[in-house]
Amino acid sequence: MNRIRTAAVSAAVVAVTAASFTPASAAPAPRFLSPGQLPAASTPWTADSIRKGAPDERSWCTAKATPATGTRYRDFRTELDTTARQTITVASTEAKAAELAAKLRRAVETCLHRMKAQDPGLKGKTIHHGRIAVEEGANVYSIDTSHPKAGANDIALFSVGRDGRAVTVVEWGQMGDLSGVPLAGFRLTTSRAVAKLY
């Protein structure tokens, strides 16, 4: 009997000791959007696998503001050249996440100015479409660009949102102008993206 009790006590001590020296389990990884949660399109959305690190292509507006550490991203596309991307960065503290969110918003707000500095022939307009009250909040923007010489018109939507230590950027783009954009659908996508982080 003593032997059984001793074994039980020893097992309990081992379990407590192991728990004491095991690092606190990290919060679960934030969840990404699924293809069906993006704005409706004329052909279905498909999604790539989730990748680690900051995106090195396409995210021109936010690339320099996005840290590689703690960042993952996922690309989406349709058959008609409409593309989207979600990037999630988990900061070490909520304060640093708030700083990052502010930095990313500034990067979007100043993006067109930087694009024009590199290409003086570019025309365009940036619009802030307001704040969404979800978790710590999200902001939605559009950048409408045209290049008269090339005859190209492109429209992009951006949102930056935060839930605790997680910051997400959602990008959506296609050829055309703001008149053909599913803005209400993108706002809903943004709400979903922030709400499902944790």
N, C-alpha and C. Protein backbone atom coordinates (compact mmCIF):
# COMPACT_ATOMS: atom_id res chain seq x y z
N MET A 1 0.83 -1.20 0.00
CA MET A 1 0.00 0.00 0.00
C MET A 1 0.86 1.25 0.00
N ASN A 2 1.89 1.22 0.89
CA ASN A 2 2.78 2.35 0.93
C ASN A 2 3.49 2.56 -0.40
N ARG A 3 3.82 1.42 -1.01
CA ARG A 3 4.53 1.50 -2.29
C ARG A 3 3.65 2.20 -3.33
N ILE A 4 2.34 1.88 -3.35
CA ILE A 4 1.43 2.49 -4.32
C ILE A 4 1.28 3.98 -4.04
N ARG A 5 1.12 4.28 -2.71
CA ARG A 5 0.95 5.69 -2.36
C ARG A 5 2.21 6.48 -2.70
N THR A 6 3.37 5.88 -2.42
CA THR A 6 4.64 6.56 -2.74
C THR A 6 4.77 6.79 -4.23
N ALA A 7 4.38 5.82 -5.03
CA ALA A 7 4.45 5.96 -6.48
C ALA A 7 3.54 7.07 -6.95
N ALA A 8 2.33 7.13 -6.35
CA ALA A 8 1.36 8.16 -6.75
C ALA A 8 1.87 9.55 -6.41
N VAL A 9 2.41 9.66 -5.18
CA VAL A 9 2.95 10.95 -4.75
C VAL A 9 4.13 11.36 -5.63
N SER A 10 5.01 10.42 -5.93
CA SER A 10 6.17 10.70 -6.77
C SER A 10 5.72 11.19 -8.15
N ALA A 11 4.70 10.52 -8.70
CA ALA A 11 4.19 10.92 -10.01
C ALA A 11 3.64 12.32 -9.97
N ALA A 12 2.94 12.65 -8.87
CA ALA A 12 2.36 13.99 -8.74
C ALA A 12 3.46 15.04 -8.65
N VAL A 13 4.53 14.72 -7.87
CA VAL A 13 5.65 15.66 -7.74
C VAL A 13 6.33 15.89 -9.08
N VAL A 14 6.53 14.79 -9.81
CA VAL A 14 7.16 14.91 -11.13
C VAL A 14 6.31 15.80 -12.04
N ALA A 15 4.98 15.61 -12.00
CA ALA A 15 4.09 16.38 -12.87
C ALA A 15 4.14 17.86 -12.51
N VAL A 16 4.12 18.17 -11.20
CA VAL A 16 4.16 19.57 -10.76
C VAL A 16 5.49 20.20 -11.12
N THR A 17 6.58 19.43 -10.88
CA THR A 17 7.91 19.95 -11.20
C THR A 17 8.04 20.23 -12.69
N ALA A 18 7.54 19.32 -13.51
CA ALA A 18 7.62 19.51 -14.96
C ALA A 18 6.84 20.73 -15.38
N ALA A 19 5.66 20.90 -14.74
CA ALA A 19 4.83 22.06 -15.09
C ALA A 19 5.54 23.35 -14.69
N SER A 20 6.27 23.31 -13.56
CA SER A 20 6.96 24.51 -13.09
C SER A 20 8.05 24.95 -14.04
N PHE A 21 8.70 24.00 -14.68
CA PHE A 21 9.83 24.34 -15.54
C PHE A 21 9.47 24.39 -17.02
N THR A 22 8.23 24.03 -17.34
CA THR A 22 7.80 24.13 -18.74
C THR A 22 7.41 25.57 -19.02
N PRO A 23 7.90 26.17 -20.10
CA PRO A 23 7.53 27.55 -20.41
C PRO A 23 6.02 27.66 -20.55
N ALA A 24 5.49 28.82 -20.13
CA ALA A 24 4.05 29.03 -20.25
C ALA A 24 3.65 28.85 -21.71
N SER A 25 2.60 28.09 -21.91
CA SER A 25 2.20 27.82 -23.29
C SER A 25 1.82 29.11 -23.98
N ALA A 26 2.30 29.29 -25.19
CA ALA A 26 2.03 30.50 -25.94
C ALA A 26 0.55 30.51 -26.32
N ALA A 27 0.06 31.71 -26.56
CA ALA A 27 -1.33 31.84 -27.00
C ALA A 27 -1.47 31.13 -28.33
N PRO A 28 -2.64 30.60 -28.62
CA PRO A 28 -2.82 29.91 -29.90
C PRO A 28 -2.53 30.84 -31.06
N ALA A 29 -2.03 30.29 -32.14
CA ALA A 29 -1.70 31.10 -33.32
C ALA A 29 -2.97 31.74 -33.87
N PRO A 30 -2.93 33.01 -34.22
CA PRO A 30 -4.10 33.66 -34.79
C PRO A 30 -4.58 32.94 -36.04
N ARG A 31 -5.88 32.94 -36.26
CA ARG A 31 -6.47 32.24 -37.39
C ARG A 31 -6.61 33.17 -38.60
N PHE A 32 -6.41 32.59 -39.77
CA PHE A 32 -6.53 33.34 -41.02
C PHE A 32 -7.94 33.24 -41.61
N LEU A 33 -8.23 34.16 -42.52
CA LEU A 33 -9.47 34.10 -43.28
C LEU A 33 -9.48 32.83 -44.14
N SER A 34 -10.66 32.36 -44.42
CA SER A 34 -10.84 31.29 -45.41
C SER A 34 -11.30 31.94 -46.71
N PRO A 35 -11.15 31.27 -47.85
CA PRO A 35 -11.56 31.88 -49.13
C PRO A 35 -13.01 32.36 -49.13
N GLY A 36 -13.90 31.64 -48.48
CA GLY A 36 -15.31 32.01 -48.46
C GLY A 36 -15.61 33.26 -47.65
N GLN A 37 -14.62 33.77 -46.90
CA GLN A 37 -14.83 34.97 -46.09
C GLN A 37 -14.34 36.24 -46.78
N LEU A 38 -13.87 36.12 -48.02
CA LEU A 38 -13.47 37.30 -48.78
C LEU A 38 -14.67 37.87 -49.51
N PRO A 39 -14.57 39.12 -49.99
CA PRO A 39 -15.71 39.71 -50.70
C PRO A 39 -16.12 38.85 -51.89
N ALA A 40 -17.40 38.82 -52.17
CA ALA A 40 -17.92 38.02 -53.28
C ALA A 40 -17.24 38.43 -54.58
N ALA A 41 -16.94 37.44 -55.41
CA ALA A 41 -16.30 37.69 -56.71
C ALA A 41 -17.02 36.85 -57.77
N SER A 42 -16.77 37.18 -59.04
CA SER A 42 -17.47 36.48 -60.11
C SER A 42 -16.97 35.05 -60.30
N THR A 43 -15.77 34.76 -59.83
CA THR A 43 -15.25 33.38 -59.83
C THR A 43 -14.76 33.08 -58.41
N PRO A 44 -14.73 31.80 -58.01
CA PRO A 44 -14.38 31.47 -56.62
C PRO A 44 -12.95 31.88 -56.24
N TRP A 45 -12.81 32.19 -54.97
CA TRP A 45 -11.48 32.45 -54.42
C TRP A 45 -10.78 31.13 -54.12
N THR A 46 -9.47 31.12 -54.36
CA THR A 46 -8.64 30.01 -53.92
C THR A 46 -7.54 30.58 -53.02
N ALA A 47 -7.01 29.74 -52.13
CA ALA A 47 -6.02 30.22 -51.17
C ALA A 47 -4.74 29.42 -51.25
N ASP A 48 -3.63 30.11 -51.09
CA ASP A 48 -2.33 29.45 -50.97
C ASP A 48 -2.14 28.98 -49.52
N SER A 49 -1.08 28.27 -49.30
CA SER A 49 -0.75 27.86 -47.93
C SER A 49 -0.26 29.08 -47.15
N ILE A 50 -0.29 28.99 -45.85
CA ILE A 50 0.19 30.07 -44.99
C ILE A 50 1.71 30.02 -44.94
N ARG A 51 2.32 31.18 -45.10
CA ARG A 51 3.79 31.26 -45.14
C ARG A 51 4.31 32.11 -43.99
N LYS A 52 5.52 31.78 -43.55
CA LYS A 52 6.14 32.53 -42.48
C LYS A 52 6.98 33.68 -43.03
N GLY A 53 7.08 34.76 -42.23
CA GLY A 53 7.89 35.90 -42.61
C GLY A 53 7.07 36.98 -43.29
N ALA A 54 7.70 38.14 -43.48
CA ALA A 54 7.03 39.24 -44.15
C ALA A 54 6.99 38.99 -45.65
N PRO A 55 5.89 39.33 -46.31
CA PRO A 55 5.81 39.14 -47.77
C PRO A 55 6.88 39.95 -48.48
N ASP A 56 7.51 39.37 -49.48
CA ASP A 56 8.56 40.09 -50.21
C ASP A 56 8.08 40.57 -51.57
N GLU A 57 6.83 40.27 -51.91
CA GLU A 57 6.29 40.72 -53.19
C GLU A 57 4.89 41.29 -52.99
N ARG A 58 4.52 42.24 -53.82
CA ARG A 58 3.17 42.78 -53.92
C ARG A 58 2.77 43.73 -52.80
N SER A 59 3.14 43.47 -51.57
CA SER A 59 2.72 44.34 -50.46
C SER A 59 3.60 45.58 -50.40
N TRP A 60 3.58 46.34 -51.49
CA TRP A 60 4.50 47.46 -51.62
C TRP A 60 4.24 48.51 -50.56
N CYS A 61 2.99 48.77 -50.26
CA CYS A 61 2.65 49.84 -49.31
C CYS A 61 3.14 49.56 -47.90
N THR A 62 3.05 48.31 -47.48
CA THR A 62 3.35 47.98 -46.08
C THR A 62 4.61 47.16 -45.88
N ALA A 63 5.31 46.83 -46.96
CA ALA A 63 6.45 45.92 -46.86
C ALA A 63 7.51 46.40 -45.87
N LYS A 64 7.87 47.67 -45.92
CA LYS A 64 8.94 48.16 -45.05
C LYS A 64 8.49 48.34 -43.61
N ALA A 65 7.19 48.35 -43.39
CA ALA A 65 6.68 48.53 -42.03
C ALA A 65 6.37 47.21 -41.34
N THR A 66 6.43 46.11 -42.08
CA THR A 66 6.07 44.80 -41.54
C THR A 66 7.31 44.03 -41.09
N PRO A 67 7.42 43.69 -39.81
CA PRO A 67 8.59 42.93 -39.36
C PRO A 67 8.48 41.47 -39.80
N ALA A 68 9.63 40.86 -40.06
CA ALA A 68 9.63 39.45 -40.44
C ALA A 68 9.33 38.55 -39.24
N THR A 69 9.83 38.96 -38.07
CA THR A 69 9.63 38.16 -36.86
C THR A 69 8.17 38.21 -36.43
N GLY A 70 7.61 37.04 -36.19
CA GLY A 70 6.25 36.96 -35.72
C GLY A 70 5.20 37.15 -36.78
N THR A 71 5.62 37.15 -38.05
CA THR A 71 4.69 37.44 -39.14
C THR A 71 4.45 36.21 -40.01
N ARG A 72 3.19 36.04 -40.42
CA ARG A 72 2.80 35.02 -41.40
C ARG A 72 1.82 35.67 -42.37
N TYR A 73 1.68 35.08 -43.56
CA TYR A 73 0.74 35.66 -44.52
C TYR A 73 0.15 34.58 -45.41
N ARG A 74 -0.96 34.92 -46.03
CA ARG A 74 -1.66 33.99 -46.91
C ARG A 74 -2.20 34.75 -48.12
N ASP A 75 -1.95 34.22 -49.31
CA ASP A 75 -2.41 34.83 -50.55
C ASP A 75 -3.68 34.16 -51.06
N PHE A 76 -4.54 34.96 -51.69
CA PHE A 76 -5.78 34.48 -52.28
C PHE A 76 -5.87 35.03 -53.71
N ARG A 77 -6.61 34.32 -54.57
CA ARG A 77 -6.79 34.81 -55.95
C ARG A 77 -8.06 34.23 -56.54
N THR A 78 -8.55 34.91 -57.59
CA THR A 78 -9.66 34.39 -58.37
C THR A 78 -9.14 34.14 -59.78
N GLU A 79 -10.01 33.58 -60.63
CA GLU A 79 -9.60 33.30 -62.02
C GLU A 79 -9.52 34.57 -62.86
N LEU A 80 -10.08 35.67 -62.36
CA LEU A 80 -10.12 36.91 -63.15
C LEU A 80 -9.18 37.98 -62.59
N ASP A 81 -8.04 37.56 -62.09
CA ASP A 81 -6.97 38.48 -61.66
C ASP A 81 -7.32 39.39 -60.49
N THR A 82 -8.32 39.03 -59.71
CA THR A 82 -8.55 39.73 -58.44
C THR A 82 -7.72 38.99 -57.40
N THR A 83 -6.95 39.74 -56.63
CA THR A 83 -6.06 39.13 -55.65
C THR A 83 -6.32 39.69 -54.26
N ALA A 84 -5.90 38.95 -53.27
CA ALA A 84 -6.01 39.41 -51.88
C ALA A 84 -4.88 38.78 -51.08
N ARG A 85 -4.61 39.39 -49.95
CA ARG A 85 -3.58 38.86 -49.05
C ARG A 85 -3.93 39.26 -47.63
N GLN A 86 -3.73 38.35 -46.71
CA GLN A 86 -3.83 38.67 -45.29
C GLN A 86 -2.48 38.42 -44.64
N THR A 87 -2.03 39.41 -43.91
CA THR A 87 -0.78 39.32 -43.17
C THR A 87 -1.09 39.48 -41.69
N ILE A 88 -0.53 38.62 -40.86
CA ILE A 88 -0.74 38.70 -39.41
C ILE A 88 0.62 38.74 -38.73
N THR A 89 0.79 39.72 -37.84
CA THR A 89 2.00 39.81 -37.03
C THR A 89 1.61 39.76 -35.56
N VAL A 90 2.28 38.91 -34.80
CA VAL A 90 2.06 38.84 -33.36
C VAL A 90 3.24 39.52 -32.67
N ALA A 91 2.96 40.63 -32.01
CA ALA A 91 3.99 41.39 -31.31
C ALA A 91 4.22 40.81 -29.92
N SER A 92 5.30 41.22 -29.29
CA SER A 92 5.64 40.67 -27.96
C SER A 92 4.74 41.23 -26.86
N THR A 93 4.20 42.42 -27.06
CA THR A 93 3.29 43.02 -26.08
C THR A 93 2.16 43.74 -26.83
N GLU A 94 1.09 44.04 -26.10
CA GLU A 94 -0.01 44.78 -26.71
C GLU A 94 0.42 46.20 -27.09
N ALA A 95 1.29 46.80 -26.28
CA ALA A 95 1.78 48.15 -26.58
C ALA A 95 2.53 48.17 -27.90
N LYS A 96 3.38 47.16 -28.12
CA LYS A 96 4.13 47.10 -29.38
C LYS A 96 3.20 46.80 -30.55
N ALA A 97 2.15 46.03 -30.29
CA ALA A 97 1.17 45.76 -31.35
C ALA A 97 0.44 47.04 -31.74
N ALA A 98 0.10 47.86 -30.75
CA ALA A 98 -0.56 49.13 -31.04
C ALA A 98 0.36 50.04 -31.85
N GLU A 99 1.64 50.05 -31.50
CA GLU A 99 2.62 50.86 -32.26
C GLU A 99 2.71 50.36 -33.70
N LEU A 100 2.74 49.04 -33.87
CA LEU A 100 2.84 48.47 -35.21
C LEU A 100 1.60 48.81 -36.03
N ALA A 101 0.43 48.71 -35.43
CA ALA A 101 -0.80 49.03 -36.14
C ALA A 101 -0.79 50.48 -36.63
N ALA A 102 -0.33 51.39 -35.77
CA ALA A 102 -0.24 52.80 -36.15
C ALA A 102 0.77 52.99 -37.29
N LYS A 103 1.88 52.28 -37.21
CA LYS A 103 2.92 52.37 -38.24
C LYS A 103 2.38 51.86 -39.59
N LEU A 104 1.63 50.78 -39.56
CA LEU A 104 1.06 50.22 -40.78
C LEU A 104 0.00 51.13 -41.37
N ARG A 105 -0.80 51.77 -40.52
CA ARG A 105 -1.78 52.73 -41.03
C ARG A 105 -1.09 53.90 -41.73
N ARG A 106 -0.04 54.40 -41.12
CA ARG A 106 0.71 55.50 -41.76
C ARG A 106 1.31 55.05 -43.08
N ALA A 107 1.78 53.81 -43.14
CA ALA A 107 2.37 53.29 -44.38
C ALA A 107 1.34 53.26 -45.49
N VAL A 108 0.11 52.89 -45.17
CA VAL A 108 -0.95 52.88 -46.18
C VAL A 108 -1.32 54.31 -46.57
N GLU A 109 -1.44 55.18 -45.58
CA GLU A 109 -1.86 56.56 -45.83
C GLU A 109 -0.86 57.33 -46.68
N THR A 110 0.43 56.98 -46.58
CA THR A 110 1.47 57.68 -47.34
C THR A 110 1.92 56.92 -48.58
N CYS A 111 1.28 55.79 -48.86
CA CYS A 111 1.74 54.91 -49.93
C CYS A 111 1.67 55.59 -51.30
N LEU A 112 0.56 56.23 -51.60
CA LEU A 112 0.40 56.86 -52.92
C LEU A 112 1.45 57.95 -53.13
N HIS A 113 1.73 58.71 -52.09
CA HIS A 113 2.75 59.76 -52.19
C HIS A 113 4.11 59.15 -52.56
N ARG A 114 4.44 58.03 -51.94
CA ARG A 114 5.71 57.37 -52.24
C ARG A 114 5.72 56.78 -53.65
N MET A 115 4.57 56.26 -54.08
CA MET A 115 4.48 55.73 -55.43
C MET A 115 4.66 56.83 -56.47
N LYS A 116 4.07 57.99 -56.22
CA LYS A 116 4.19 59.12 -57.15
C LYS A 116 5.62 59.65 -57.19
N ALA A 117 6.32 59.57 -56.06
CA ALA A 117 7.71 60.02 -56.03
C ALA A 117 8.57 59.16 -56.94
N GLN A 118 8.24 57.88 -57.05
CA GLN A 118 8.98 56.97 -57.93
C GLN A 118 8.49 57.03 -59.37
N ASP A 119 7.22 57.40 -59.56
CA ASP A 119 6.64 57.45 -60.90
C ASP A 119 5.79 58.71 -61.01
N PRO A 120 6.40 59.85 -61.41
CA PRO A 120 5.69 61.13 -61.46
C PRO A 120 4.47 61.13 -62.38
N GLY A 121 4.39 60.21 -63.31
CA GLY A 121 3.26 60.17 -64.22
C GLY A 121 2.02 59.52 -63.61
N LEU A 122 2.16 58.96 -62.43
CA LEU A 122 1.05 58.25 -61.79
C LEU A 122 0.04 59.23 -61.20
N LYS A 123 -1.23 58.95 -61.40
CA LYS A 123 -2.31 59.72 -60.81
C LYS A 123 -3.03 58.83 -59.81
N GLY A 124 -3.67 59.44 -58.82
CA GLY A 124 -4.41 58.60 -57.90
C GLY A 124 -5.00 59.35 -56.73
N LYS A 125 -5.70 58.58 -55.90
CA LYS A 125 -6.36 59.16 -54.73
C LYS A 125 -6.45 58.10 -53.64
N THR A 126 -6.17 58.52 -52.41
CA THR A 126 -6.31 57.65 -51.25
C THR A 126 -7.52 58.12 -50.43
N ILE A 127 -8.37 57.19 -50.05
CA ILE A 127 -9.54 57.52 -49.24
C ILE A 127 -9.55 56.66 -47.99
N HIS A 128 -9.79 57.31 -46.86
CA HIS A 128 -9.99 56.57 -45.60
C HIS A 128 -11.49 56.33 -45.47
N HIS A 129 -11.88 55.07 -45.44
CA HIS A 129 -13.30 54.72 -45.40
C HIS A 129 -13.82 54.47 -43.98
N GLY A 130 -13.06 54.92 -43.01
CA GLY A 130 -13.54 54.87 -41.64
C GLY A 130 -13.01 53.72 -40.82
N ARG A 131 -13.42 53.75 -39.56
CA ARG A 131 -12.98 52.78 -38.58
C ARG A 131 -14.09 51.77 -38.31
N ILE A 132 -13.71 50.52 -38.11
CA ILE A 132 -14.66 49.47 -37.78
C ILE A 132 -14.48 49.11 -36.31
N ALA A 133 -15.58 49.08 -35.57
CA ALA A 133 -15.52 48.76 -34.14
C ALA A 133 -15.52 47.26 -33.94
N VAL A 134 -14.34 46.66 -34.06
CA VAL A 134 -14.18 45.23 -33.81
C VAL A 134 -12.89 45.04 -33.02
N GLU A 135 -12.97 44.35 -31.88
CA GLU A 135 -11.82 44.19 -30.98
C GLU A 135 -11.17 45.56 -30.70
N GLU A 136 -9.86 45.70 -30.98
CA GLU A 136 -9.21 47.00 -30.74
C GLU A 136 -9.38 47.96 -31.92
N GLY A 137 -10.17 47.57 -32.90
CA GLY A 137 -10.48 48.47 -34.02
C GLY A 137 -9.74 48.13 -35.29
N ALA A 138 -10.31 48.57 -36.41
CA ALA A 138 -9.71 48.39 -37.73
C ALA A 138 -10.05 49.60 -38.59
N ASN A 139 -9.15 49.94 -39.49
CA ASN A 139 -9.35 51.05 -40.41
C ASN A 139 -9.27 50.57 -41.85
N VAL A 140 -10.15 51.12 -42.69
CA VAL A 140 -10.25 50.69 -44.09
C VAL A 140 -9.88 51.84 -45.01
N TYR A 141 -9.10 51.52 -46.05
CA TYR A 141 -8.63 52.52 -47.01
C TYR A 141 -8.78 51.99 -48.44
N SER A 142 -8.86 52.93 -49.39
CA SER A 142 -8.75 52.55 -50.80
C SER A 142 -7.69 53.43 -51.44
N ILE A 143 -6.97 52.86 -52.40
CA ILE A 143 -6.00 53.62 -53.19
C ILE A 143 -6.33 53.36 -54.66
N ASP A 144 -6.78 54.40 -55.33
CA ASP A 144 -7.22 54.33 -56.72
C ASP A 144 -6.13 54.97 -57.57
N THR A 145 -5.51 54.22 -58.48
CA THR A 145 -4.42 54.75 -59.29
C THR A 145 -4.69 54.59 -60.78
N SER A 146 -4.12 55.51 -61.54
CA SER A 146 -4.20 55.41 -63.00
C SER A 146 -2.90 55.93 -63.58
N HIS A 147 -2.57 55.41 -64.74
CA HIS A 147 -1.37 55.85 -65.45
C HIS A 147 -1.79 56.19 -66.87
N PRO A 148 -2.04 57.48 -67.14
CA PRO A 148 -2.54 57.89 -68.46
C PRO A 148 -1.73 57.37 -69.64
N LYS A 149 -0.41 57.38 -69.52
CA LYS A 149 0.42 56.94 -70.65
C LYS A 149 0.27 55.44 -70.89
N ALA A 150 0.18 54.68 -69.82
CA ALA A 150 0.06 53.22 -69.97
C ALA A 150 -1.39 52.79 -70.14
N GLY A 151 -2.33 53.68 -69.83
CA GLY A 151 -3.74 53.33 -69.93
C GLY A 151 -4.18 52.33 -68.89
N ALA A 152 -3.50 52.32 -67.74
CA ALA A 152 -3.81 51.33 -66.69
C ALA A 152 -4.56 52.00 -65.54
N ASN A 153 -5.57 51.32 -65.05
CA ASN A 153 -6.31 51.76 -63.86
C ASN A 153 -6.36 50.60 -62.87
N ASP A 154 -5.96 50.87 -61.64
CA ASP A 154 -5.95 49.84 -60.62
C ASP A 154 -6.58 50.37 -59.34
N ILE A 155 -7.27 49.50 -58.64
CA ILE A 155 -7.86 49.86 -57.37
C ILE A 155 -7.43 48.84 -56.32
N ALA A 156 -7.08 49.34 -55.15
CA ALA A 156 -6.66 48.47 -54.05
C ALA A 156 -7.38 48.89 -52.78
N LEU A 157 -7.76 47.91 -52.00
CA LEU A 157 -8.33 48.15 -50.68
C LEU A 157 -7.38 47.62 -49.63
N PHE A 158 -7.31 48.33 -48.52
CA PHE A 158 -6.45 47.93 -47.41
C PHE A 158 -7.21 48.08 -46.11
N SER A 159 -6.91 47.20 -45.17
CA SER A 159 -7.41 47.41 -43.82
C SER A 159 -6.32 46.99 -42.84
N VAL A 160 -6.29 47.70 -41.72
CA VAL A 160 -5.34 47.40 -40.64
C VAL A 160 -6.15 47.27 -39.37
N GLY A 161 -6.06 46.12 -38.72
CA GLY A 161 -6.82 45.90 -37.49
C GLY A 161 -5.99 45.20 -36.44
N ARG A 162 -6.48 45.26 -35.19
CA ARG A 162 -5.71 44.66 -34.08
C ARG A 162 -6.63 44.00 -33.08
N ASP A 163 -6.18 42.87 -32.56
CA ASP A 163 -6.81 42.20 -31.43
C ASP A 163 -5.70 41.82 -30.47
N GLY A 164 -5.56 42.54 -29.38
CA GLY A 164 -4.50 42.26 -28.42
C GLY A 164 -3.13 42.42 -29.04
N ARG A 165 -2.32 41.36 -29.01
CA ARG A 165 -0.96 41.42 -29.55
C ARG A 165 -0.90 41.15 -31.05
N ALA A 166 -2.03 40.79 -31.66
CA ALA A 166 -2.04 40.43 -33.09
C ALA A 166 -2.53 41.60 -33.94
N VAL A 167 -1.78 41.87 -34.98
CA VAL A 167 -2.13 42.92 -35.95
C VAL A 167 -2.30 42.27 -37.31
N THR A 168 -3.38 42.59 -37.99
CA THR A 168 -3.59 42.02 -39.32
C THR A 168 -3.79 43.11 -40.36
N VAL A 169 -3.24 42.86 -41.53
CA VAL A 169 -3.46 43.72 -42.70
C VAL A 169 -4.13 42.86 -43.77
N VAL A 170 -5.23 43.35 -44.31
CA VAL A 170 -5.90 42.68 -45.41
C VAL A 170 -5.79 43.57 -46.64
N GLU A 171 -5.33 42.99 -47.75
CA GLU A 171 -5.20 43.73 -49.01
C GLU A 171 -6.07 43.05 -50.07
N TRP A 172 -6.67 43.86 -50.93
CA TRP A 172 -7.51 43.37 -52.02
C TRP A 172 -7.23 44.26 -53.22
N GLY A 173 -7.10 43.68 -54.42
CA GLY A 173 -6.81 44.51 -55.58
C GLY A 173 -7.28 43.90 -56.88
N GLN A 174 -7.59 44.78 -57.83
CA GLN A 174 -7.95 44.36 -59.18
C GLN A 174 -7.82 45.55 -60.12
N MET A 175 -7.93 45.31 -61.40
CA MET A 175 -7.94 46.40 -62.36
C MET A 175 -9.30 47.10 -62.29
N GLY A 176 -9.29 48.42 -62.54
CA GLY A 176 -10.54 49.16 -62.50
C GLY A 176 -10.45 50.34 -61.56
N ASP A 177 -11.61 50.85 -61.13
CA ASP A 177 -11.62 51.98 -60.21
C ASP A 177 -12.57 51.70 -59.05
N LEU A 178 -12.74 52.71 -58.20
CA LEU A 178 -13.49 52.51 -56.97
C LEU A 178 -14.96 52.16 -57.22
N SER A 179 -15.49 52.55 -58.38
CA SER A 179 -16.91 52.30 -58.65
C SER A 179 -17.23 50.80 -58.72
N GLY A 180 -16.23 49.98 -59.04
CA GLY A 180 -16.48 48.54 -59.16
C GLY A 180 -16.02 47.73 -57.98
N VAL A 181 -15.85 48.38 -56.84
CA VAL A 181 -15.27 47.70 -55.66
C VAL A 181 -16.36 47.26 -54.68
N PRO A 182 -16.26 46.04 -54.16
CA PRO A 182 -17.21 45.57 -53.14
C PRO A 182 -16.82 46.08 -51.75
N LEU A 183 -16.97 47.39 -51.54
CA LEU A 183 -16.49 47.99 -50.31
C LEU A 183 -17.21 47.44 -49.08
N ALA A 184 -18.52 47.26 -49.18
CA ALA A 184 -19.26 46.71 -48.04
C ALA A 184 -18.78 45.29 -47.73
N GLY A 185 -18.52 44.51 -48.77
CA GLY A 185 -18.01 43.17 -48.56
C GLY A 185 -16.63 43.16 -47.95
N PHE A 186 -15.79 44.15 -48.33
CA PHE A 186 -14.44 44.22 -47.78
C PHE A 186 -14.49 44.62 -46.30
N ARG A 187 -15.41 45.50 -45.96
CA ARG A 187 -15.56 45.88 -44.55
C ARG A 187 -15.97 44.65 -43.72
N LEU A 188 -16.87 43.84 -44.27
CA LEU A 188 -17.26 42.62 -43.57
C LEU A 188 -16.09 41.66 -43.45
N THR A 189 -15.30 41.53 -44.52
CA THR A 189 -14.11 40.68 -44.48
C THR A 189 -13.14 41.16 -43.41
N THR A 190 -12.97 42.47 -43.31
CA THR A 190 -12.08 43.03 -42.29
C THR A 190 -12.57 42.70 -40.89
N SER A 191 -13.87 42.85 -40.66
CA SER A 191 -14.44 42.51 -39.35
C SER A 191 -14.18 41.05 -39.01
N ARG A 192 -14.38 40.18 -39.99
CA ARG A 192 -14.14 38.76 -39.78
C ARG A 192 -12.68 38.49 -39.50
N ALA A 193 -11.79 39.15 -40.24
CA ALA A 193 -10.35 38.92 -40.08
C ALA A 193 -9.88 39.28 -38.68
N VAL A 194 -10.37 40.39 -38.14
CA VAL A 194 -9.94 40.80 -36.81
C VAL A 194 -10.62 39.95 -35.74
N ALA A 195 -11.90 39.68 -35.92
CA ALA A 195 -12.65 38.92 -34.91
C ALA A 195 -12.14 37.50 -34.73
N LYS A 196 -11.63 36.89 -35.81
CA LYS A 196 -11.20 35.50 -35.70
C LYS A 196 -9.72 35.34 -35.38
N LEU A 197 -9.01 36.45 -35.12
CA LEU A 197 -7.59 36.34 -34.77
C LEU A 197 -7.44 35.45 -33.53
N TYR A 198 -8.28 35.71 -32.51
CA TYR A 198 -8.23 34.91 -31.28
C TYR A 198 -9.66 34.54 -30.89
